């Protein structure tokens, strides 16, 4: 999976992009995997929205295919 972090998520991750070599994962498992071992990132990920191939994920049990493009967006202030 190609992961792209935006704004505060990128700050917490220390990067804007990452490659995750994993099989299919649920959205919940993906966020747990990304935040494993990094409490700051895990805290930010807990309030982020996830887009998979440009489509919002609304259910943590949704399966994300291994070859997907995943965008991680923290909440934004303003309009």
PDB file of N, CA and C in Angstrom:
ATOM      1  N   UNK A   1       0.840  -1.179   0.000  1.00  0.00           N
ATOM      2  CA  UNK A   1       0.000   0.000   0.000  1.00  0.00           C
ATOM      3  C   UNK A   1       0.881   1.237   0.000  1.00  0.00           C
ATOM      4  N   UNK A   2       0.478   2.196  -0.781  1.00  0.00           N
ATOM      5  CA  UNK A   2       1.144   3.500  -0.787  1.00  0.00           C
ATOM      6  C   UNK A   2       0.371   4.406   0.150  1.00  0.00           C
ATOM      7  N   UNK A   3       1.028   4.883   1.210  1.00  0.00           N
ATOM      8  CA  UNK A   3       0.390   5.717   2.212  1.00  0.00           C
ATOM      9  C   UNK A   3       0.855   7.155   2.018  1.00  0.00           C
ATOM     10  N   UNK A   4      -0.076   8.099   1.982  1.00  0.00           N
ATOM     11  CA  UNK A   4       0.261   9.523   1.940  1.00  0.00           C
ATOM     12  C   UNK A   4      -0.368  10.191   3.153  1.00  0.00           C
ATOM     13  N   UNK A   5       0.488  10.850   3.933  1.00  0.00           N
ATOM     14  CA  UNK A   5       0.047  11.568   5.120  1.00  0.00           C
ATOM     15  C   UNK A   5      -0.058  13.053   4.793  1.00  0.00           C
ATOM     16  N   UNK A   6      -1.053  13.717   5.349  1.00  0.00           N
ATOM     17  CA  UNK A   6      -1.253  15.145   5.134  1.00  0.00           C
ATOM     18  C   UNK A   6      -1.232  15.897   6.459  1.00  0.00           C
ATOM     19  N   UNK A   7      -0.783  17.149   6.400  1.00  0.00           N
ATOM     20  CA  UNK A   7      -0.827  18.107   7.520  1.00  0.00           C
ATOM     21  C   UNK A   7      -0.283  17.499   8.806  1.00  0.00           C
ATOM     22  N   UNK A   8      -1.068  17.538   9.884  1.00  0.00           N
ATOM     23  CA  UNK A   8      -0.626  17.051  11.180  1.00  0.00           C
ATOM     24  C   UNK A   8      -0.265  15.577  11.189  1.00  0.00           C
ATOM     25  N   UNK A   9      -0.890  14.794  10.324  1.00  0.00           N
ATOM     26  CA  UNK A   9      -0.530  13.375  10.230  1.00  0.00           C
ATOM     27  C   UNK A   9       0.879  13.226   9.676  1.00  0.00           C
ATOM     28  N   UNK A  10       1.241  14.052   8.701  1.00  0.00           N
ATOM     29  CA  UNK A  10       2.598  14.035   8.149  1.00  0.00           C
ATOM     30  C   UNK A  10       3.604  14.477   9.204  1.00  0.00           C
ATOM     31  N   UNK A  11       3.241  15.485   9.978  1.00  0.00           N
ATOM     32  CA  UNK A  11       4.124  15.937  11.061  1.00  0.00           C
ATOM     33  C   UNK A  11       4.355  14.817  12.066  1.00  0.00           C
ATOM     34  N   UNK A  12       3.295  14.137  12.463  1.00  0.00           N
ATOM     35  CA  UNK A  12       3.411  13.058  13.441  1.00  0.00           C
ATOM     36  C   UNK A  12       4.188  11.869  12.882  1.00  0.00           C
ATOM     37  N   UNK A  13       4.003  11.578  11.601  1.00  0.00           N
ATOM     38  CA  UNK A  13       4.697  10.448  10.976  1.00  0.00           C
ATOM     39  C   UNK A  13       6.149  10.782  10.642  1.00  0.00           C
ATOM     40  N   UNK A  14       6.438  12.064  10.517  1.00  0.00           N
ATOM     41  CA  UNK A  14       7.788  12.482  10.141  1.00  0.00           C
ATOM     42  C   UNK A  14       8.069  12.309   8.669  1.00  0.00           C
ATOM     43  N   UNK A  15       7.025  12.122   7.877  1.00  0.00           N
ATOM     44  CA  UNK A  15       7.154  11.935   6.437  1.00  0.00           C
ATOM     45  C   UNK A  15       5.798  12.204   5.784  1.00  0.00           C
ATOM     46  N   UNK A  16       5.802  12.426   4.494  1.00  0.00           N
ATOM     47  CA  UNK A  16       4.530  12.591   3.785  1.00  0.00           C
ATOM     48  C   UNK A  16       4.102  11.313   3.083  1.00  0.00           C
ATOM     49  N   UNK A  17       5.044  10.389   2.852  1.00  0.00           N
ATOM     50  CA  UNK A  17       4.696   9.144   2.170  1.00  0.00           C
ATOM     51  C   UNK A  17       5.379   7.955   2.824  1.00  0.00           C
ATOM     52  N   UNK A  18       4.749   6.813   2.685  1.00  0.00           N
ATOM     53  CA  UNK A  18       5.318   5.568   3.179  1.00  0.00           C
ATOM     54  C   UNK A  18       4.782   4.426   2.329  1.00  0.00           C
ATOM     55  N   UNK A  19       5.546   3.378   2.260  1.00  0.00           N
ATOM     56  CA  UNK A  19       5.118   2.160   1.578  1.00  0.00           C
ATOM     57  C   UNK A  19       4.912   1.100   2.643  1.00  0.00           C
ATOM     58  N   UNK A  20       3.752   0.466   2.662  1.00  0.00           N
ATOM     59  CA  UNK A  20       3.467  -0.590   3.619  1.00  0.00           C
ATOM     60  C   UNK A  20       3.329  -1.898   2.858  1.00  0.00           C
ATOM     61  N   UNK A  21       4.224  -2.812   3.135  1.00  0.00           N
ATOM     62  CA  UNK A  21       4.166  -4.128   2.506  1.00  0.00           C
ATOM     63  C   UNK A  21       3.390  -5.056   3.420  1.00  0.00           C
ATOM     64  N   UNK A  22       2.119  -5.169   3.142  1.00  0.00           N
ATOM     65  CA  UNK A  22       1.221  -6.001   3.939  1.00  0.00           C
ATOM     66  C   UNK A  22       0.137  -6.536   3.017  1.00  0.00           C
ATOM     67  N   UNK A  23      -0.532  -7.544   3.461  1.00  0.00           N
ATOM     68  CA  UNK A  23      -1.674  -8.047   2.709  1.00  0.00           C
ATOM     69  C   UNK A  23      -2.866  -7.136   2.918  1.00  0.00           C
ATOM     70  N   UNK A  24      -4.023  -7.622   2.518  1.00  0.00           N
ATOM     71  CA  UNK A  24      -5.248  -6.861   2.737  1.00  0.00           C
ATOM     72  C   UNK A  24      -5.450  -6.662   4.238  1.00  0.00           C
ATOM     73  N   UNK A  25      -5.874  -5.464   4.622  1.00  0.00           N
ATOM     74  CA  UNK A  25      -6.117  -5.131   6.021  1.00  0.00           C
ATOM     75  C   UNK A  25      -7.432  -4.380   6.150  1.00  0.00           C
ATOM     76  N   UNK A  26      -8.077  -4.499   7.305  1.00  0.00           N
ATOM     77  CA  UNK A  26      -9.223  -3.626   7.558  1.00  0.00           C
ATOM     78  C   UNK A  26      -8.670  -2.231   7.822  1.00  0.00           C
ATOM     79  N   UNK A  27      -9.513  -1.231   7.713  1.00  0.00           N
ATOM     80  CA  UNK A  27      -9.087   0.142   7.991  1.00  0.00           C
ATOM     81  C   UNK A  27      -8.584   0.269   9.423  1.00  0.00           C
ATOM     82  N   UNK A  28      -9.262  -0.367  10.370  1.00  0.00           N
ATOM     83  CA  UNK A  28      -8.837  -0.333  11.766  1.00  0.00           C
ATOM     84  C   UNK A  28      -7.459  -0.962  11.927  1.00  0.00           C
ATOM     85  N   UNK A  29      -7.251  -2.113  11.318  1.00  0.00           N
ATOM     86  CA  UNK A  29      -5.953  -2.786  11.406  1.00  0.00           C
ATOM     87  C   UNK A  29      -4.855  -1.984  10.715  1.00  0.00           C
ATOM     88  N   UNK A  30      -5.183  -1.336   9.616  1.00  0.00           N
ATOM     89  CA  UNK A  30      -4.203  -0.505   8.923  1.00  0.00           C
ATOM     90  C   UNK A  30      -3.725   0.625   9.827  1.00  0.00           C
ATOM     91  N   UNK A  31      -4.651   1.338  10.441  1.00  0.00           N
ATOM     92  CA  UNK A  31      -4.268   2.448  11.316  1.00  0.00           C
ATOM     93  C   UNK A  31      -3.483   1.955  12.520  1.00  0.00           C
ATOM     94  N   UNK A  32      -3.845   0.802  13.062  1.00  0.00           N
ATOM     95  CA  UNK A  32      -3.098   0.233  14.186  1.00  0.00           C
ATOM     96  C   UNK A  32      -1.685  -0.140  13.755  1.00  0.00           C
ATOM     97  N   UNK A  33      -1.542  -0.687  12.566  1.00  0.00           N
ATOM     98  CA  UNK A  33      -0.225  -1.052  12.043  1.00  0.00           C
ATOM     99  C   UNK A  33       0.629   0.181  11.831  1.00  0.00           C
ATOM    100  N   UNK A  34       0.044   1.221  11.250  1.00  0.00           N
ATOM    101  CA  UNK A  34       0.803   2.451  10.997  1.00  0.00           C
ATOM    102  C   UNK A  34       1.245   3.116  12.291  1.00  0.00           C
ATOM    103  N   UNK A  35       0.430   3.045  13.332  1.00  0.00           N
ATOM    104  CA  UNK A  35       0.738   3.708  14.591  1.00  0.00           C
ATOM    105  C   UNK A  35       1.511   2.857  15.587  1.00  0.00           C
ATOM    106  N   UNK A  36       1.733   1.589  15.258  1.00  0.00           N
ATOM    107  CA  UNK A  36       2.422   0.688  16.185  1.00  0.00           C
ATOM    108  C   UNK A  36       3.807   1.224  16.542  1.00  0.00           C
ATOM    109  N   UNK A  37       4.067   1.313  17.825  1.00  0.00           N
ATOM    110  CA  UNK A  37       5.373   1.746  18.289  1.00  0.00           C
ATOM    111  C   UNK A  37       5.604   3.245  18.276  1.00  0.00           C
ATOM    112  N   UNK A  38       4.593   4.011  17.886  1.00  0.00           N
ATOM    113  CA  UNK A  38       4.737   5.469  17.833  1.00  0.00           C
ATOM    114  C   UNK A  38       3.477   6.094  18.435  1.00  0.00           C
ATOM    115  N   UNK A  39       3.541   6.378  19.730  1.00  0.00           N
ATOM    116  CA  UNK A  39       2.363   6.869  20.442  1.00  0.00           C
ATOM    117  C   UNK A  39       1.821   8.176  19.864  1.00  0.00           C
ATOM    118  N   UNK A  40       2.710   9.078  19.478  1.00  0.00           N
ATOM    119  CA  UNK A  40       2.280  10.361  18.904  1.00  0.00           C
ATOM    120  C   UNK A  40       1.497  10.127  17.612  1.00  0.00           C
ATOM    121  N   UNK A  41       2.042   9.299  16.722  1.00  0.00           N
ATOM    122  CA  UNK A  41       1.361   9.014  15.464  1.00  0.00           C
ATOM    123  C   UNK A  41       0.047   8.281  15.721  1.00  0.00           C
ATOM    124  N   UNK A  42       0.040   7.312  16.619  1.00  0.00           N
ATOM    125  CA  UNK A  42      -1.181   6.565  16.923  1.00  0.00           C
ATOM    126  C   UNK A  42      -2.282   7.493  17.415  1.00  0.00           C
ATOM    127  N   UNK A  43      -1.918   8.474  18.230  1.00  0.00           N
ATOM    128  CA  UNK A  43      -2.901   9.434  18.745  1.00  0.00           C
ATOM    129  C   UNK A  43      -3.501  10.261  17.616  1.00  0.00           C
ATOM    130  N   UNK A  44      -2.663  10.709  16.700  1.00  0.00           N
ATOM    131  CA  UNK A  44      -3.146  11.487  15.559  1.00  0.00           C
ATOM    132  C   UNK A  44      -4.007  10.616  14.642  1.00  0.00           C
ATOM    133  N   UNK A  45      -3.563   9.397  14.379  1.00  0.00           N
ATOM    134  CA  UNK A  45      -4.312   8.506  13.483  1.00  0.00           C
ATOM    135  C   UNK A  45      -5.712   8.215  14.007  1.00  0.00           C
ATOM    136  N   UNK A  46      -5.871   8.232  15.319  1.00  0.00           N
ATOM    137  CA  UNK A  46      -7.172   7.927  15.917  1.00  0.00           C
ATOM    138  C   UNK A  46      -8.255   8.926  15.517  1.00  0.00           C
ATOM    139  N   UNK A  47      -7.861  10.114  15.091  1.00  0.00           N
ATOM    140  CA  UNK A  47      -8.868  11.109  14.702  1.00  0.00           C
ATOM    141  C   UNK A  47      -8.818  11.442  13.214  1.00  0.00           C
ATOM    142  N   UNK A  48      -8.058  10.669  12.449  1.00  0.00           N
ATOM    143  CA  UNK A  48      -7.906  10.942  11.014  1.00  0.00           C
ATOM    144  C   UNK A  48      -8.994  10.293  10.175  1.00  0.00           C
ATOM    145  N   UNK A  49      -9.228  10.896   9.020  1.00  0.00           N
ATOM    146  CA  UNK A  49     -10.052  10.289   7.981  1.00  0.00           C
ATOM    147  C   UNK A  49      -9.130   9.544   7.032  1.00  0.00           C
ATOM    148  N   UNK A  50      -9.663   8.498   6.424  1.00  0.00           N
ATOM    149  CA  UNK A  50      -8.884   7.693   5.487  1.00  0.00           C
ATOM    150  C   UNK A  50      -9.613   7.661   4.158  1.00  0.00           C
ATOM    151  N   UNK A  51      -8.860   7.899   3.099  1.00  0.00           N
ATOM    152  CA  UNK A  51      -9.374   7.733   1.735  1.00  0.00           C
ATOM    153  C   UNK A  51      -8.614   6.580   1.100  1.00  0.00           C
ATOM    154  N   UNK A  52      -9.320   5.703   0.420  1.00  0.00           N
ATOM    155  CA  UNK A  52      -8.697   4.596  -0.295  1.00  0.00           C
ATOM    156  C   UNK A  52      -9.014   4.771  -1.770  1.00  0.00           C
ATOM    157  N   UNK A  53      -7.951   4.959  -2.536  1.00  0.00           N
ATOM    158  CA  UNK A  53      -8.104   5.211  -3.970  1.00  0.00           C
ATOM    159  C   UNK A  53      -9.101   6.340  -4.221  1.00  0.00           C
ATOM    160  N   UNK A  54      -9.037   7.377  -3.368  1.00  0.00           N
ATOM    161  CA  UNK A  54      -9.863   8.569  -3.518  1.00  0.00           C
ATOM    162  C   UNK A  54     -11.253   8.481  -2.931  1.00  0.00           C
ATOM    163  N   UNK A  55     -11.589   7.353  -2.333  1.00  0.00           N
ATOM    164  CA  UNK A  55     -12.932   7.143  -1.778  1.00  0.00           C
ATOM    165  C   UNK A  55     -12.866   7.096  -0.252  1.00  0.00           C
ATOM    166  N   UNK A  56     -13.714   7.843   0.458  1.00  0.00           N
ATOM    167  CA  UNK A  56     -13.683   7.838   1.921  1.00  0.00           C
ATOM    168  C   UNK A  56     -14.045   6.477   2.512  1.00  0.00           C
ATOM    169  N   UNK A  57     -13.337   6.098   3.548  1.00  0.00           N
ATOM    170  CA  UNK A  57     -13.648   4.888   4.304  1.00  0.00           C
ATOM    171  C   UNK A  57     -14.469   5.323   5.506  1.00  0.00           C
ATOM    172  N   UNK A  58     -15.641   4.764   5.652  1.00  0.00           N
ATOM    173  CA  UNK A  58     -16.545   5.166   6.730  1.00  0.00           C
ATOM    174  C   UNK A  58     -16.702   4.080   7.797  1.00  0.00           C
ATOM    175  N   UNK A  59     -16.190   2.885   7.521  1.00  0.00           N
ATOM    176  CA  UNK A  59     -16.354   1.756   8.430  1.00  0.00           C
ATOM    177  C   UNK A  59     -14.983   1.122   8.668  1.00  0.00           C
ATOM    178  N   UNK A  60     -14.583   1.041   9.928  1.00  0.00           N
ATOM    179  CA  UNK A  60     -13.280   0.491  10.276  1.00  0.00           C
ATOM    180  C   UNK A  60     -13.097  -0.951   9.863  1.00  0.00           C
ATOM    181  N   UNK A  61     -14.191  -1.669   9.627  1.00  0.00           N
ATOM    182  CA  UNK A  61     -14.084  -3.074   9.221  1.00  0.00           C
ATOM    183  C   UNK A  61     -13.942  -3.235   7.707  1.00  0.00           C
ATOM    184  N   UNK A  62     -13.972  -2.109   6.984  1.00  0.00           N
ATOM    185  CA  UNK A  62     -13.821  -2.176   5.531  1.00  0.00           C
ATOM    186  C   UNK A  62     -12.438  -2.710   5.173  1.00  0.00           C
ATOM    187  N   UNK A  63     -12.403  -3.662   4.258  1.00  0.00           N
ATOM    188  CA  UNK A  63     -11.156  -4.279   3.832  1.00  0.00           C
ATOM    189  C   UNK A  63     -10.469  -3.397   2.789  1.00  0.00           C
ATOM    190  N   UNK A  64      -9.179  -3.157   3.007  1.00  0.00           N
ATOM    191  CA  UNK A  64      -8.375  -2.353   2.092  1.00  0.00           C
ATOM    192  C   UNK A  64      -7.393  -3.285   1.400  1.00  0.00           C
ATOM    193  N   UNK A  65      -7.445  -3.327   0.081  1.00  0.00           N
ATOM    194  CA  UNK A  65      -6.590  -4.220  -0.696  1.00  0.00           C
ATOM    195  C   UNK A  65      -5.129  -3.796  -0.619  1.00  0.00           C
ATOM    196  N   UNK A  66      -4.249  -4.763  -0.669  1.00  0.00           N
ATOM    197  CA  UNK A  66      -2.811  -4.537  -0.511  1.00  0.00           C
ATOM    198  C   UNK A  66      -2.251  -3.512  -1.496  1.00  0.00           C
ATOM    199  N   UNK A  67      -2.766  -3.419  -2.692  1.00  0.00           N
ATOM    200  CA  UNK A  67      -2.233  -2.510  -3.701  1.00  0.00           C
ATOM    201  C   UNK A  67      -2.862  -1.131  -3.726  1.00  0.00           C
ATOM    202  N   UNK A  68      -3.613  -0.801  -2.707  1.00  0.00           N
ATOM    203  CA  UNK A  68      -4.360   0.461  -2.693  1.00  0.00           C
ATOM    204  C   UNK A  68      -3.484   1.674  -2.402  1.00  0.00           C
ATOM    205  N   UNK A  69      -3.998   2.829  -2.808  1.00  0.00           N
ATOM    206  CA  UNK A  69      -3.414   4.119  -2.441  1.00  0.00           C
ATOM    207  C   UNK A  69      -4.252   4.663  -1.286  1.00  0.00           C
ATOM    208  N   UNK A  70      -3.601   4.943  -0.162  1.00  0.00           N
ATOM    209  CA  UNK A  70      -4.299   5.365   1.049  1.00  0.00           C
ATOM    210  C   UNK A  70      -3.851   6.768   1.416  1.00  0.00           C
ATOM    211  N   UNK A  71      -4.816   7.670   1.584  1.00  0.00           N
ATOM    212  CA  UNK A  71      -4.545   9.029   2.042  1.00  0.00           C
ATOM    213  C   UNK A  71      -5.043   9.156   3.475  1.00  0.00           C
ATOM    214  N   UNK A  72      -4.182   9.702   4.350  1.00  0.00           N
ATOM    215  CA  UNK A  72      -4.515   9.863   5.764  1.00  0.00           C
ATOM    216  C   UNK A  72      -4.614  11.354   6.035  1.00  0.00           C
ATOM    217  N   UNK A  73      -5.824  11.811   6.379  1.00  0.00           N
ATOM    218  CA  UNK A  73      -6.084  13.239   6.569  1.00  0.00           C
ATOM    219  C   UNK A  73      -6.574  13.519   7.963  1.00  0.00           C
ATOM    220  N   UNK A  74      -5.869  14.363   8.712  1.00  0.00           N
ATOM    221  CA  UNK A  74      -6.355  14.766  10.021  1.00  0.00           C
ATOM    222  C   UNK A  74      -7.500  15.758   9.861  1.00  0.00           C
ATOM    223  N   UNK A  75      -8.247  16.012  10.932  1.00  0.00           N
ATOM    224  CA  UNK A  75      -9.303  17.023  10.847  1.00  0.00           C
ATOM    225  C   UNK A  75      -8.686  18.391  10.525  1.00  0.00           C
ATOM    226  N   UNK A  76      -9.385  19.161   9.740  1.00  0.00           N
ATOM    227  CA  UNK A  76      -8.919  20.486   9.358  1.00  0.00           C
ATOM    228  C   UNK A  76      -9.781  21.547  10.021  1.00  0.00           C
ATOM    229  N   UNK A  77      -9.179  22.631  10.399  1.00  0.00           N
ATOM    230  CA  UNK A  77      -9.935  23.759  10.956  1.00  0.00           C
ATOM    231  C   UNK A  77     -10.297  24.709   9.834  1.00  0.00           C
ATOM    232  N   UNK A  78     -11.338  25.439  10.002  1.00  0.00           N
ATOM    233  CA  UNK A  78     -11.708  26.452   9.017  1.00  0.00           C
ATOM    234  C   UNK A  78     -12.597  25.908   7.935  1.00  0.00           C
ATOM    235  N   UNK A  79     -12.738  26.724   6.893  1.00  0.00           N
ATOM    236  CA  UNK A  79     -13.735  26.439   5.930  1.00  0.00           C
ATOM    237  C   UNK A  79     -13.427  25.834   4.670  1.00  0.00           C
TER     238      UNK A  79
END
